[in-house]
Amino acid sequence: MIQKKIPLRKCIGCNEMYPKKELIRIVNTPEDDVVLDMTGKKNGRGAYLCKNIGCLEAAIKTKAINRAFKKNISEDVYSKMLEELGGVCNGQ
């Protein structure tokens, strides 16, 4: 029996490869908003992060999210993402 391929994605915070289902997607929507996508199905360009606040903080510090979307992200968006990811991490 042929084993199904598991799609891997790279976390932009720690640069480690993980199965896609273990990561959280950050999306730059067609309306030009940057949001966390817990479902992984929203329209727009995506980048992936571990379910770890440390990885998000590293991505913010190194401006990895800015590079992924080729635009400047405001501090308001970063603080909102930190709040949302904090709720996800504490809920596990």
Protein backbone atom coordinates (compact mmCIF):
# COMPACT_ATOMS: atom_id res chain seq x y z
CA MET A 1 0.00 0.00 0.00
CA ILE A 2 1.32 3.45 -0.91
CA GLN A 3 1.75 5.80 2.02
CA LYS A 4 0.20 9.23 1.58
CA LYS A 5 2.60 12.20 1.49
CA ILE A 6 2.26 14.55 4.44
CA PRO A 7 2.59 18.21 3.34
CA LEU A 8 5.35 20.02 5.24
CA ARG A 9 5.65 23.76 5.78
CA LYS A 10 8.39 25.89 7.34
CA CYS A 11 7.69 27.97 10.44
CA ILE A 12 8.84 31.53 9.75
CA GLY A 13 9.77 31.97 13.42
CA CYS A 14 12.11 29.02 14.04
CA ASN A 15 12.71 27.88 10.41
CA GLU A 16 11.82 24.25 11.26
CA MET A 17 9.74 22.06 8.95
CA TYR A 18 6.50 20.64 10.42
CA PRO A 19 3.40 18.92 9.05
CA LYS A 20 0.97 21.55 7.80
CA LYS A 21 -1.74 20.56 10.31
CA GLU A 22 0.54 21.34 13.28
CA LEU A 23 1.06 24.97 12.23
CA ILE A 24 -1.03 28.13 12.32
CA ARG A 25 -1.39 30.08 9.10
CA ILE A 26 -0.99 33.86 8.92
CA VAL A 27 -2.90 35.30 5.97
CA ASN A 28 -2.61 38.52 4.00
CA THR A 29 -6.23 38.70 2.80
CA PRO A 30 -7.36 40.24 -0.51
CA GLU A 31 -8.71 43.14 1.61
CA ASP A 32 -5.04 43.72 2.66
CA ASP A 33 -5.55 42.66 6.30
CA VAL A 34 -3.07 40.40 8.08
CA VAL A 35 -4.82 37.88 10.37
CA LEU A 36 -4.29 34.49 12.00
CA ASP A 37 -6.14 31.72 10.20
CA MET A 38 -6.85 28.82 12.55
CA THR A 39 -8.72 26.86 9.85
CA GLY A 40 -5.99 27.20 7.21
CA LYS A 41 -8.58 27.87 4.50
CA LYS A 42 -8.95 31.65 4.24
CA ASN A 43 -8.25 33.31 0.91
CA GLY A 44 -4.96 35.13 0.50
CA ARG A 45 -1.22 34.68 0.69
CA GLY A 46 -0.14 32.63 3.68
CA ALA A 47 2.83 32.06 5.95
CA TYR A 48 3.08 29.49 8.73
CA LEU A 49 3.97 29.63 12.44
CA CYS A 50 4.31 27.07 15.22
CA LYS A 51 1.66 27.14 17.94
CA ASN A 52 4.24 28.82 20.13
CA ILE A 53 4.36 32.46 21.20
CA GLY A 54 8.17 32.35 21.08
CA CYS A 55 8.07 31.69 17.33
CA LEU A 56 5.70 34.62 16.75
CA GLU A 57 7.93 36.88 18.84
CA ALA A 58 10.98 35.72 16.84
CA ALA A 59 9.14 36.37 13.56
CA ILE A 60 8.23 39.88 14.74
CA LYS A 61 11.77 40.62 15.93
CA THR A 62 13.39 39.48 12.66
CA LYS A 63 10.61 41.06 10.54
CA ALA A 64 9.95 37.68 8.90
CA ILE A 65 6.24 38.44 8.51
CA ASN A 66 7.04 41.72 6.76
CA ARG A 67 9.31 39.85 4.33
CA ALA A 68 6.78 37.06 3.75
CA PHE A 69 4.09 39.53 2.69
CA LYS A 70 6.44 42.19 1.22
CA LYS A 71 4.83 44.99 3.23
CA ASN A 72 5.12 46.69 6.61
CA ILE A 73 2.89 45.29 9.34
CA SER A 74 1.67 47.68 12.05
CA GLU A 75 2.25 47.14 15.76
CA ASP A 76 -1.54 46.91 16.27
CA VAL A 77 -1.69 43.81 14.06
CA TYR A 78 1.24 42.24 15.92
CA SER A 79 -0.35 42.85 19.34
CA LYS A 80 -3.68 41.39 18.13
CA MET A 81 -1.88 38.30 16.80
CA LEU A 82 -0.01 37.87 20.12
CA GLU A 83 -3.35 37.99 22.00
CA GLU A 84 -4.99 35.45 19.67
CA LEU A 85 -2.02 33.08 19.74
CA GLY A 86 -1.82 33.40 23.53
CA GLY A 87 -5.44 32.23 23.75
CA VAL A 88 -4.71 29.28 21.47
CA CYS A 89 -1.60 28.24 23.40
CA ASN A 90 -3.33 28.51 26.79
CA GLY A 91 -6.34 26.58 25.49
CA GLN A 92 -4.29 23.47 24.68
